[in-house]
Amino acid sequence: MTGGRSAFRKAAVLILALSMAGCSGGDGIFGGGGADRDENLEGYTAEQIFERGEYELSRNRADDAAFYFGEIERLYPYSAWAQRALIMQAFSYHQDRDYENSRAAAQRFIDFYPADEDAAYAAYLLALSYYDQIDEVGRDQGLTFQALQALRAVIERYPDSEYATSAILKFDLAFDHLAGKEMEIGRYYLRRGYYAAAINRFRVVVEDFQTTSHTPEALHRLVEAYLSLGLVDEAQTAGAILGYNYRSTQWYEDSYRLLTSQGLELKDRGNNWLSQIYRQSIRGEWL
């Protein structure tokens, strides 16, 4: 973000030059204390108000910074400063963990300035407004889905931007998070003997989240659940997939002991959904 980075550099210079005046409670737009929301800013230029916003950011007063950047948009709506202030407002709100307002400001920037070089950063901030709210696995995962959609937009629309790599990493982590949610529910059902319900959850992980770190355990849990139901062919085939793709994992070793203790081999058996995945794995289409 060219404008954002230059703004932060400028803020560092401003704090050195103005800290004495600001901290001493001097008059004017750099007076001490927090933002005066009733202050008449119409007598100040857009640049002066922008500098106050930067100054508040440098003092870790992100909420006050967002106020001043928002005032530029109100008082000088068609200026170049308003454009710069809007992206900084989105950033300030995010720093203050006011994710809803950060998202709104970022979306306005994308809507008003879709061709601007900072549009990629606005889209990334929008995605972060969801991603940074992803809670532990046990909570509702609606925000995770929204984060995935927003991160995908950054990756697809701005593949050459400096934010694409970070978006890809966060996308993978969020994707893994969703798989973790399925695993948690599946384990819950498995512990209580609801084997069919558990299998449905583990199947989702194997079919839809096969690139995540949870796939080996999902296959092992399928071995456990299918054996509990007496569905030997499915259990053996799940073990065969583990042996082909995840032989170095503890989950393979656990499935190997479980199956061989019952005189069973880890091999493809029957014509079920796992057999199709096994054959795809052999052909290199599912790894």
Protein backbone atom coordinates (compact mmCIF):
# COMPACT_ATOMS: atom_id res chain seq x y z
CA MET A 1 0.00 0.00 0.00
CA THR A 2 2.00 2.96 -1.26
CA GLY A 3 -0.19 5.63 0.34
CA GLY A 4 -0.43 3.71 3.61
CA ARG A 5 3.30 3.06 3.88
CA SER A 6 4.16 6.68 3.12
CA ALA A 7 1.59 7.71 5.70
CA PHE A 8 3.26 5.59 8.37
CA ARG A 9 6.70 6.96 7.49
CA LYS A 10 5.32 10.44 7.68
CA ALA A 11 3.77 9.70 11.05
CA ALA A 12 7.16 8.72 12.43
CA VAL A 13 8.60 12.07 11.37
CA LEU A 14 5.61 13.95 12.74
CA ILE A 15 5.84 12.35 16.15
CA LEU A 16 9.45 13.44 16.50
CA ALA A 17 8.64 16.99 15.47
CA LEU A 18 5.37 17.38 17.35
CA SER A 19 5.59 15.21 20.43
CA MET A 20 6.64 18.08 22.67
CA ALA A 21 3.76 20.27 21.56
CA GLY A 22 1.25 17.44 21.58
CA CYS A 23 2.15 16.02 24.96
CA SER A 24 2.24 19.42 26.60
CA GLY A 25 -1.41 19.99 25.75
CA GLY A 26 -0.73 22.77 23.25
CA ASP A 27 -3.49 24.44 21.28
CA GLY A 28 -4.52 23.57 17.74
CA ILE A 29 -5.13 20.33 15.95
CA PHE A 30 -2.18 18.63 17.68
CA GLY A 31 -3.35 19.49 21.19
CA GLY A 32 -2.94 16.89 23.91
CA GLY A 33 -5.49 14.30 25.01
CA GLY A 34 -7.84 12.32 22.88
CA ALA A 35 -9.84 13.47 19.91
CA ASP A 36 -12.38 16.21 20.55
CA ARG A 37 -15.36 14.98 18.55
CA ASP A 38 -17.01 18.41 18.93
CA GLU A 39 -13.99 20.28 17.61
CA ASN A 40 -14.67 22.42 14.54
CA LEU A 41 -12.26 21.12 11.92
CA GLU A 42 -13.54 23.21 9.04
CA GLY A 43 -10.75 25.71 9.59
CA TYR A 44 -8.09 23.10 8.94
CA THR A 45 -6.89 21.78 5.61
CA ALA A 46 -7.33 18.17 4.61
CA GLU A 47 -3.60 17.67 4.95
CA GLN A 48 -3.60 19.03 8.50
CA ILE A 49 -6.44 16.73 9.53
CA PHE A 50 -4.70 13.79 7.85
CA GLU A 51 -1.55 14.55 9.83
CA ARG A 52 -3.58 14.55 13.03
CA GLY A 53 -4.90 11.13 12.11
CA GLU A 54 -1.34 9.90 11.58
CA TYR A 55 -0.33 11.48 14.86
CA GLU A 56 -3.08 9.64 16.72
CA LEU A 57 -1.97 6.37 15.10
CA SER A 58 1.57 7.01 16.30
CA ARG A 59 0.18 7.34 19.84
CA ASN A 60 -1.71 4.05 19.51
CA ARG A 61 -5.02 5.88 19.50
CA ALA A 62 -6.50 4.09 16.51
CA ASP A 63 -10.09 5.04 17.32
CA ASP A 64 -9.20 8.75 17.37
CA ALA A 65 -7.21 8.30 14.16
CA ALA A 66 -10.23 6.76 12.45
CA PHE A 67 -12.31 9.76 13.54
CA TYR A 68 -9.93 12.26 11.93
CA PHE A 69 -9.57 10.26 8.72
CA GLY A 70 -13.36 10.07 8.57
CA GLU A 71 -13.63 13.84 8.95
CA ILE A 72 -11.53 14.29 5.82
CA GLU A 73 -13.98 12.17 3.89
CA ARG A 74 -16.81 14.33 5.24
CA LEU A 75 -15.22 17.76 4.76
CA TYR A 76 -13.22 17.11 1.57
CA PRO A 77 -15.15 14.26 -0.10
CA TYR A 78 -13.77 14.66 -3.62
CA SER A 79 -10.14 15.35 -2.80
CA ALA A 80 -7.12 13.12 -3.17
CA TRP A 81 -6.75 13.39 0.60
CA ALA A 82 -10.19 11.84 1.06
CA GLN A 83 -9.07 8.83 -0.97
CA ARG A 84 -5.94 8.40 1.12
CA ALA A 85 -7.88 8.98 4.33
CA LEU A 86 -10.44 6.30 3.49
CA ILE A 87 -7.88 3.51 3.30
CA MET A 88 -6.22 4.81 6.46
CA GLN A 89 -9.59 4.87 8.18
CA ALA A 90 -10.09 1.21 7.30
CA PHE A 91 -6.63 0.45 8.70
CA SER A 92 -7.26 2.46 11.87
CA TYR A 93 -10.55 0.72 12.57
CA HIS A 94 -8.84 -2.63 12.12
CA GLN A 95 -6.10 -1.64 14.54
CA ASP A 96 -8.85 -0.75 17.01
CA ARG A 97 -10.47 -4.17 16.39
CA ASP A 98 -13.58 -2.43 15.14
CA TYR A 99 -13.90 -4.98 12.38
CA GLU A 100 -17.35 -4.03 11.17
CA ASN A 101 -16.38 -0.40 10.52
CA SER A 102 -13.03 -1.47 9.07
CA ARG A 103 -14.85 -3.73 6.64
CA ALA A 104 -17.27 -0.97 5.70
CA ALA A 105 -14.49 1.53 5.02
CA ALA A 106 -12.48 -1.00 3.02
CA GLN A 107 -15.52 -1.88 0.94
CA ARG A 108 -16.21 1.80 0.21
CA PHE A 109 -12.63 2.18 -1.01
CA ILE A 110 -13.02 -0.80 -3.33
CA ASP A 111 -16.34 0.54 -4.62
CA PHE A 112 -15.07 4.09 -5.18
CA TYR A 113 -11.51 3.37 -6.34
CA PRO A 114 -11.45 -0.14 -7.84
CA ALA A 115 -8.50 0.64 -10.13
CA ASP A 116 -6.34 2.27 -7.48
CA GLU A 117 -3.17 0.48 -6.41
CA ASP A 118 -4.44 0.46 -2.81
CA ALA A 119 -7.56 -1.48 -3.81
CA ALA A 120 -5.61 -4.70 -3.23
CA TYR A 121 -4.81 -3.61 0.31
CA ALA A 122 -8.44 -2.61 0.89
CA ALA A 123 -9.54 -6.09 -0.22
CA TYR A 124 -6.92 -7.64 2.07
CA LEU A 125 -8.12 -5.53 5.02
CA LEU A 126 -11.67 -6.60 4.28
CA ALA A 127 -10.59 -10.24 4.39
CA LEU A 128 -8.67 -9.66 7.62
CA SER A 129 -11.80 -8.17 9.20
CA TYR A 130 -13.27 -11.67 8.99
CA TYR A 131 -10.09 -13.71 9.43
CA ASP A 132 -9.01 -12.00 12.64
CA GLN A 133 -12.34 -12.90 14.22
CA ILE A 134 -12.05 -16.62 13.57
CA ASP A 135 -12.47 -18.16 16.99
CA GLU A 136 -11.54 -21.51 18.39
CA VAL A 137 -12.78 -24.58 16.56
CA GLY A 138 -15.72 -25.13 18.92
CA ARG A 139 -17.52 -21.93 17.89
CA ASP A 140 -19.76 -21.22 14.91
CA GLN A 141 -17.70 -21.10 11.73
CA GLY A 142 -19.74 -18.61 9.69
CA LEU A 143 -16.92 -16.07 9.87
CA THR A 144 -14.50 -18.68 8.59
CA PHE A 145 -16.56 -19.14 5.45
CA GLN A 146 -16.70 -15.37 4.95
CA ALA A 147 -12.96 -15.10 5.50
CA LEU A 148 -12.35 -17.80 2.88
CA GLN A 149 -14.50 -15.98 0.34
CA ALA A 150 -12.80 -12.64 0.99
CA LEU A 151 -9.30 -14.16 0.91
CA ARG A 152 -10.11 -15.92 -2.35
CA ALA A 153 -11.11 -12.53 -3.80
CA VAL A 154 -7.67 -11.13 -2.93
CA ILE A 155 -5.92 -14.14 -4.46
CA GLU A 156 -7.96 -14.14 -7.67
CA ARG A 157 -8.29 -10.39 -8.26
CA TYR A 158 -4.84 -9.28 -7.15
CA PRO A 159 -2.55 -12.27 -7.79
CA ASP A 160 0.50 -10.07 -8.39
CA SER A 161 0.02 -7.89 -5.32
CA GLU A 162 2.18 -8.11 -2.23
CA TYR A 163 -0.85 -9.36 -0.31
CA ALA A 164 -1.56 -12.43 -2.42
CA THR A 165 1.04 -14.62 -0.70
CA SER A 166 -0.24 -13.75 2.76
CA ALA A 167 -3.82 -14.29 1.59
CA ILE A 168 -2.92 -17.76 0.31
CA LEU A 169 -1.35 -18.68 3.65
CA LYS A 170 -4.34 -17.41 5.60
CA PHE A 171 -6.72 -19.17 3.19
CA ASP A 172 -4.99 -22.48 3.87
CA LEU A 173 -5.13 -21.90 7.63
CA ALA A 174 -8.83 -20.99 7.51
CA PHE A 175 -9.52 -24.02 5.32
CA ASP A 176 -7.73 -26.22 7.84
CA HIS A 177 -9.81 -24.58 10.56
CA LEU A 178 -13.04 -25.66 8.87
CA ALA A 179 -11.76 -29.21 8.56
CA GLY A 180 -10.97 -29.10 12.27
CA LYS A 181 -14.58 -28.21 12.98
CA GLU A 182 -15.79 -31.25 11.03
CA MET A 183 -13.32 -33.44 12.91
CA GLU A 184 -14.47 -32.16 16.27
CA ILE A 185 -18.10 -32.99 15.50
CA GLY A 186 -17.12 -36.36 14.03
CA ARG A 187 -15.16 -37.30 17.14
CA TYR A 188 -18.12 -36.29 19.30
CA TYR A 189 -20.42 -38.64 17.40
CA LEU A 190 -17.83 -41.41 17.36
CA ARG A 191 -17.33 -41.30 21.13
CA ARG A 192 -21.06 -41.66 21.65
CA GLY A 193 -21.50 -44.50 19.23
CA TYR A 194 -23.32 -42.53 16.53
CA TYR A 195 -21.20 -44.15 13.87
CA ALA A 196 -23.18 -43.22 10.77
CA ALA A 197 -23.21 -39.54 11.79
CA ALA A 198 -19.48 -39.68 12.57
CA ILE A 199 -18.74 -41.24 9.18
CA ASN A 200 -20.59 -38.44 7.42
CA ARG A 201 -18.35 -35.85 9.08
CA PHE A 202 -15.11 -37.72 8.42
CA ARG A 203 -16.17 -38.27 4.82
CA VAL A 204 -16.53 -34.51 4.37
CA VAL A 205 -12.93 -34.06 5.51
CA VAL A 206 -11.63 -36.78 3.20
CA GLU A 207 -13.57 -35.59 0.16
CA ASP A 208 -13.67 -31.81 0.60
CA PHE A 209 -10.66 -31.02 2.81
CA GLN A 210 -8.15 -33.61 1.60
CA THR A 211 -5.31 -31.07 1.43
CA THR A 212 -5.56 -30.22 5.13
CA SER A 213 -3.64 -31.66 8.05
CA HIS A 214 -6.77 -33.45 9.33
CA THR A 215 -7.11 -35.99 6.51
CA PRO A 216 -4.94 -38.76 8.03
CA GLU A 217 -6.88 -38.72 11.28
CA ALA A 218 -10.19 -38.63 9.38
CA LEU A 219 -9.18 -41.82 7.55
CA HIS A 220 -8.20 -43.51 10.79
CA ARG A 221 -11.50 -42.53 12.39
CA LEU A 222 -13.27 -44.01 9.38
CA VAL A 223 -11.44 -47.28 10.05
CA GLU A 224 -12.69 -47.19 13.64
CA ALA A 225 -16.27 -46.29 12.72
CA TYR A 226 -16.60 -48.79 9.88
CA LEU A 227 -15.18 -51.62 11.99
CA SER A 228 -17.68 -50.75 14.71
CA LEU A 229 -20.47 -51.15 12.15
CA GLY A 230 -18.99 -54.37 10.77
CA LEU A 231 -18.29 -52.78 7.39
CA VAL A 232 -14.95 -54.46 6.85
CA ASP A 233 -14.41 -53.57 3.19
CA GLU A 234 -14.71 -49.84 3.90
CA ALA A 235 -12.43 -50.07 6.94
CA GLN A 236 -9.74 -51.92 5.00
CA THR A 237 -9.92 -49.48 2.12
CA ALA A 238 -9.60 -46.47 4.43
CA GLY A 239 -6.51 -48.17 5.88
CA ALA A 240 -5.14 -48.73 2.38
CA ILE A 241 -5.46 -45.02 1.58
CA LEU A 242 -3.62 -44.23 4.79
CA GLY A 243 -0.87 -46.67 3.84
CA TYR A 244 -0.53 -45.21 0.36
CA ASN A 245 -0.58 -41.52 1.24
CA TYR A 246 0.27 -41.19 4.95
CA ARG A 247 2.44 -44.17 5.89
CA SER A 248 4.74 -42.02 8.03
CA THR A 249 1.94 -40.82 10.32
CA GLN A 250 0.84 -42.10 13.70
CA TRP A 251 -2.67 -42.49 12.29
CA TYR A 252 -1.43 -45.09 9.81
CA GLU A 253 0.30 -47.00 12.59
CA ASP A 254 -2.87 -46.92 14.71
CA SER A 255 -5.01 -48.18 11.83
CA TYR A 256 -2.45 -50.87 10.99
CA ARG A 257 -2.54 -52.22 14.55
CA LEU A 258 -6.32 -52.03 14.71
CA LEU A 259 -6.89 -53.87 11.42
CA THR A 260 -4.16 -56.48 11.72
CA SER A 261 -5.26 -57.30 15.29
CA GLN A 262 -8.49 -58.50 13.69
CA GLY A 263 -6.70 -60.44 10.95
CA LEU A 264 -7.46 -57.80 8.32
CA GLU A 265 -5.22 -56.29 5.65
CA LEU A 266 -4.91 -52.68 4.63
CA LYS A 267 -6.08 -53.11 1.07
CA ASP A 268 -8.73 -51.86 -1.34
CA ARG A 269 -11.87 -53.94 -1.00
CA GLY A 270 -15.30 -53.69 -2.58
CA ASN A 271 -16.74 -50.89 -4.67
CA ASN A 272 -17.50 -48.05 -2.29
CA TRP A 273 -16.72 -44.33 -2.15
CA LEU A 274 -13.37 -45.01 -0.48
CA SER A 275 -12.42 -47.47 -3.23
CA GLN A 276 -12.92 -44.72 -5.78
CA ILE A 277 -10.64 -42.42 -3.79
CA TYR A 278 -8.06 -45.20 -3.48
CA ARG A 279 -7.99 -45.76 -7.22
CA GLN A 280 -7.69 -42.03 -7.78
CA SER A 281 -4.76 -41.96 -5.38
CA ILE A 282 -3.01 -44.74 -7.31
CA ARG A 283 -3.43 -42.75 -10.52
CA GLY A 284 -2.05 -39.66 -8.79
CA GLU A 285 -5.31 -37.73 -9.00
CA TRP A 286 -5.85 -37.49 -5.26
CA LEU A 287 -2.83 -36.98 -3.08
